[in-house]
Amino acid sequence: MAAHGARGRSFLALWLWLLAAAAAADELTPPQRLLKEVSDAVLAELTANRAAFEAEPASLYALVRRQLVPHVDFARLSALALGRSWRGASEAQRGRFAAEFQQLLVRTYATGLLELRTWEIRYPAQRLAPDAVDVTVQAELLRPGAPPVPMSYRLFRDGERWRVYDVTIEGVSLASTYRTSFEEEVRQHGLDRLIDRLAEMNALRPGAGPAG
């Protein structure tokens, strides 16, 4: 697929979510607090069990499914990533695509976790309207000896539950990066072929799909 560099930067934003360092919990907005809580839980497990995760990737996939997947709106992310093709897809095609896309993201995300070393993410102070349902949480990636890198997370509230549906780093959106390559492949080969190819890629590294 095209745009591997831009996609890699967007995945880095996702990976670094898990190591985010924020202000005290009572100073955070609800979406920021969610990101921090997920960060703390995953970082604790990653730190305690890094050797086991390196030896057995399937256990790392399980960690991502358990701690991260419930907080990502994969239907909304899938619709953004597939673009116009999502609107014209059947319910069966949407279901297959979302499942394979989720598995691809879990696998890529988990692999990236093991590459993390010295990073910090800072959440600037932010005010949100009490009735906001679709928000963008700003953040900054901090690295020793390097200028801050701007990042953002888009979240949607369903009832009292906030879920992430896109991330952006240095102006590059994860969803839009995938959309560029997905739309080209659908144009050339059709949606079913795209879904089949995602399934083939996922089959090469089993264990990242839904448990059970």
Protein backbone atom coordinates (compact mmCIF):
# COMPACT_ATOMS: atom_id res chain seq x y z
CA MET A 1 0.00 0.00 0.00
CA ALA A 2 1.08 3.59 -0.50
CA ALA A 3 1.99 6.17 2.13
CA HIS A 4 3.76 3.77 4.50
CA GLY A 5 5.69 6.63 6.14
CA ALA A 6 2.60 8.69 6.93
CA ARG A 7 0.76 5.61 8.18
CA GLY A 8 3.71 4.70 10.36
CA ARG A 9 3.63 8.13 11.99
CA SER A 10 -0.09 7.76 12.67
CA PHE A 11 0.46 4.32 14.18
CA LEU A 12 3.18 5.85 16.34
CA ALA A 13 0.55 8.21 17.71
CA LEU A 14 -1.61 5.22 18.59
CA TRP A 15 1.28 3.39 20.22
CA LEU A 16 2.35 6.44 22.19
CA TRP A 17 -1.17 6.81 23.52
CA LEU A 18 -0.27 3.88 25.76
CA LEU A 19 2.64 5.75 27.31
CA ALA A 20 0.91 9.09 27.67
CA ALA A 21 1.93 11.18 30.68
CA ALA A 22 -0.75 13.66 31.70
CA ALA A 23 -1.63 16.01 34.50
CA ALA A 24 -3.30 14.78 37.67
CA ALA A 25 -6.51 12.90 36.94
CA ASP A 26 -8.74 15.53 38.55
CA GLU A 27 -7.35 18.14 36.11
CA LEU A 28 -8.29 16.18 33.01
CA THR A 29 -11.43 16.27 30.91
CA PRO A 30 -13.29 12.93 30.65
CA PRO A 31 -11.75 12.05 27.25
CA GLN A 32 -8.26 12.88 28.54
CA ARG A 33 -8.91 10.81 31.64
CA LEU A 34 -9.90 7.84 29.51
CA LEU A 35 -6.66 8.05 27.54
CA LYS A 36 -4.63 8.23 30.74
CA GLU A 37 -6.41 5.28 32.36
CA VAL A 38 -5.81 3.10 29.32
CA SER A 39 -2.20 4.29 29.26
CA ASP A 40 -1.60 3.33 32.86
CA ALA A 41 -3.17 -0.12 32.53
CA VAL A 42 -1.34 -1.11 29.37
CA LEU A 43 2.00 0.34 30.44
CA ALA A 44 1.86 -1.59 33.71
CA GLU A 45 1.29 -4.89 31.90
CA LEU A 46 3.83 -4.14 29.19
CA THR A 47 6.51 -3.28 31.73
CA ALA A 48 5.84 -6.32 33.90
CA ASN A 49 5.62 -8.84 31.06
CA ARG A 50 7.77 -7.51 28.20
CA ALA A 51 9.87 -10.68 27.93
CA ALA A 52 6.77 -12.87 27.75
CA PHE A 53 5.18 -10.64 25.12
CA GLU A 54 8.35 -10.72 23.01
CA ALA A 55 8.40 -14.52 23.19
CA GLU A 56 4.70 -14.98 22.51
CA PRO A 57 3.08 -12.25 20.34
CA ALA A 58 -0.39 -13.78 20.74
CA SER A 59 -0.34 -12.77 24.42
CA LEU A 60 0.39 -9.20 23.39
CA TYR A 61 -2.52 -9.26 20.93
CA ALA A 62 -4.70 -10.41 23.81
CA LEU A 63 -3.52 -7.46 25.91
CA VAL A 64 -4.42 -5.02 23.13
CA ARG A 65 -7.84 -6.63 22.64
CA ARG A 66 -8.57 -6.50 26.35
CA GLN A 67 -7.28 -3.03 27.20
CA LEU A 68 -7.54 -1.04 23.98
CA VAL A 69 -10.19 -2.44 21.65
CA PRO A 70 -13.15 -1.61 23.94
CA HIS A 71 -12.15 2.07 23.77
CA VAL A 72 -11.90 2.34 19.97
CA ASP A 73 -14.95 2.91 17.78
CA PHE A 74 -13.93 0.57 14.97
CA ALA A 75 -17.18 1.02 13.06
CA ARG A 76 -16.64 4.78 12.87
CA LEU A 77 -12.93 4.37 12.13
CA SER A 78 -13.72 1.79 9.42
CA ALA A 79 -16.22 4.12 7.79
CA LEU A 80 -13.65 6.93 7.72
CA ALA A 81 -10.91 4.68 6.39
CA LEU A 82 -13.04 3.17 3.62
CA GLY A 83 -14.56 6.50 2.58
CA ARG A 84 -17.07 6.46 -0.26
CA SER A 85 -16.81 2.69 -0.55
CA TRP A 86 -18.29 2.32 2.94
CA ARG A 87 -21.43 4.16 1.92
CA GLY A 88 -21.93 1.85 -1.04
CA ALA A 89 -21.05 -1.36 0.80
CA SER A 90 -23.57 -3.96 1.90
CA GLU A 91 -24.00 -4.75 5.59
CA ALA A 92 -22.12 -8.02 5.05
CA GLN A 93 -19.23 -6.22 3.39
CA ARG A 94 -19.11 -3.61 6.14
CA GLY A 95 -19.01 -6.33 8.77
CA ARG A 96 -16.22 -8.24 7.05
CA PHE A 97 -14.18 -5.13 6.39
CA ALA A 98 -14.49 -3.82 9.97
CA ALA A 99 -13.47 -7.21 11.40
CA GLU A 100 -10.41 -7.56 9.17
CA PHE A 101 -9.41 -3.92 9.61
CA GLN A 102 -9.64 -4.26 13.37
CA GLN A 103 -7.46 -7.35 13.29
CA LEU A 104 -4.90 -5.55 11.12
CA LEU A 105 -4.77 -2.60 13.53
CA VAL A 106 -4.48 -4.84 16.60
CA ARG A 107 -1.57 -6.71 15.03
CA THR A 108 0.25 -3.57 13.90
CA TYR A 109 -0.43 -1.76 17.17
CA ALA A 110 0.81 -4.67 19.27
CA THR A 111 4.00 -4.98 17.24
CA GLY A 112 4.69 -1.28 17.74
CA LEU A 113 4.31 -1.52 21.51
CA LEU A 114 7.49 -3.55 21.79
CA GLU A 115 9.46 -0.86 19.93
CA LEU A 116 8.66 1.89 22.43
CA ARG A 117 11.47 3.18 24.61
CA THR A 118 11.78 6.79 25.82
CA TRP A 119 8.67 8.84 25.03
CA GLU A 120 6.28 11.11 26.81
CA ILE A 121 2.96 12.60 25.80
CA ARG A 122 1.64 15.81 27.32
CA TYR A 123 -2.00 16.89 27.24
CA PRO A 124 -2.33 20.70 27.27
CA ALA A 125 -5.16 22.15 29.34
CA GLN A 126 -8.40 21.92 27.41
CA ARG A 127 -12.01 22.91 28.06
CA LEU A 128 -14.91 20.96 26.59
CA ALA A 129 -18.59 21.88 26.46
CA PRO A 130 -20.59 19.74 28.92
CA ASP A 131 -22.83 18.49 26.10
CA ALA A 132 -19.99 17.78 23.63
CA VAL A 133 -20.27 14.40 21.91
CA ASP A 134 -17.52 14.64 19.27
CA VAL A 135 -14.21 16.09 20.44
CA THR A 136 -10.58 16.42 19.46
CA VAL A 137 -8.08 15.99 22.29
CA GLN A 138 -4.83 17.81 21.63
CA ALA A 139 -1.52 16.34 22.75
CA GLU A 140 2.21 16.79 22.29
CA LEU A 141 4.82 14.11 21.77
CA LEU A 142 7.97 14.89 23.77
CA ARG A 143 11.34 13.32 22.92
CA PRO A 144 14.76 14.07 24.43
CA GLY A 145 16.57 16.66 22.35
CA ALA A 146 13.72 17.10 19.87
CA PRO A 147 10.97 19.72 19.52
CA PRO A 148 7.43 18.74 20.58
CA VAL A 149 5.38 16.98 17.92
CA PRO A 150 1.68 17.95 17.74
CA MET A 151 -0.82 15.10 17.96
CA SER A 152 -4.55 14.77 18.40
CA TYR A 153 -7.13 12.10 19.17
CA ARG A 154 -10.72 12.26 17.94
CA LEU A 155 -13.30 10.75 20.28
CA PHE A 156 -17.07 10.27 20.11
CA ARG A 157 -19.35 9.96 23.11
CA ASP A 158 -22.09 7.35 23.05
CA GLY A 159 -24.09 7.93 26.21
CA GLU A 160 -21.45 8.21 28.94
CA ARG A 161 -18.83 6.28 27.00
CA TRP A 162 -16.02 7.95 25.05
CA ARG A 163 -14.26 6.05 22.28
CA VAL A 164 -11.39 6.96 19.96
CA TYR A 165 -12.05 6.87 16.21
CA ASP A 166 -9.00 8.56 14.70
CA VAL A 167 -5.54 9.83 15.59
CA THR A 168 -3.41 12.45 13.89
CA ILE A 169 0.30 13.19 14.19
CA GLU A 170 1.98 16.11 12.46
CA GLY A 171 -1.25 16.72 10.56
CA VAL A 172 -1.47 13.16 9.20
CA SER A 173 -4.66 11.26 10.04
CA LEU A 174 -4.60 7.48 10.44
CA ALA A 175 -8.03 7.14 8.82
CA SER A 176 -7.27 9.40 5.87
CA THR A 177 -3.94 7.68 5.23
CA TYR A 178 -5.65 4.32 4.95
CA ARG A 179 -8.46 5.84 2.91
CA THR A 180 -6.03 6.92 0.21
CA SER A 181 -4.73 3.40 -0.35
CA PHE A 182 -8.04 1.63 0.24
CA GLU A 183 -9.92 3.77 -2.27
CA GLU A 184 -7.26 3.14 -4.90
CA GLU A 185 -7.43 -0.61 -4.35
CA VAL A 186 -11.23 -0.64 -4.45
CA ARG A 187 -11.13 1.36 -7.67
CA GLN A 188 -8.77 -1.12 -9.28
CA HIS A 189 -9.95 -4.44 -7.87
CA GLY A 190 -13.22 -3.95 -5.98
CA LEU A 191 -14.17 -3.95 -2.32
CA ASP A 192 -14.39 -7.73 -1.94
CA ARG A 193 -10.82 -8.11 -3.18
CA LEU A 194 -9.62 -5.51 -0.67
CA ILE A 195 -11.33 -7.38 2.16
CA ASP A 196 -9.89 -10.69 0.95
CA ARG A 197 -6.40 -9.22 0.86
CA LEU A 198 -6.72 -7.89 4.41
CA ALA A 199 -7.83 -11.37 5.49
CA GLU A 200 -4.82 -12.90 3.74
CA MET A 201 -2.47 -10.47 5.51
CA ASN A 202 -4.06 -11.24 8.87
CA ALA A 203 -3.82 -14.99 8.29
CA LEU A 204 -0.05 -14.69 8.05
CA ARG A 205 0.07 -13.69 11.72
CA PRO A 206 -2.90 -15.32 13.47
CA GLY A 207 -3.92 -14.47 16.99
CA ALA A 208 -4.82 -10.80 16.57
CA GLY A 209 -8.49 -11.39 15.89
CA PRO A 210 -11.35 -11.35 18.40
CA ALA A 211 -10.99 -13.84 21.20
CA GLY A 212 -13.19 -16.88 21.29
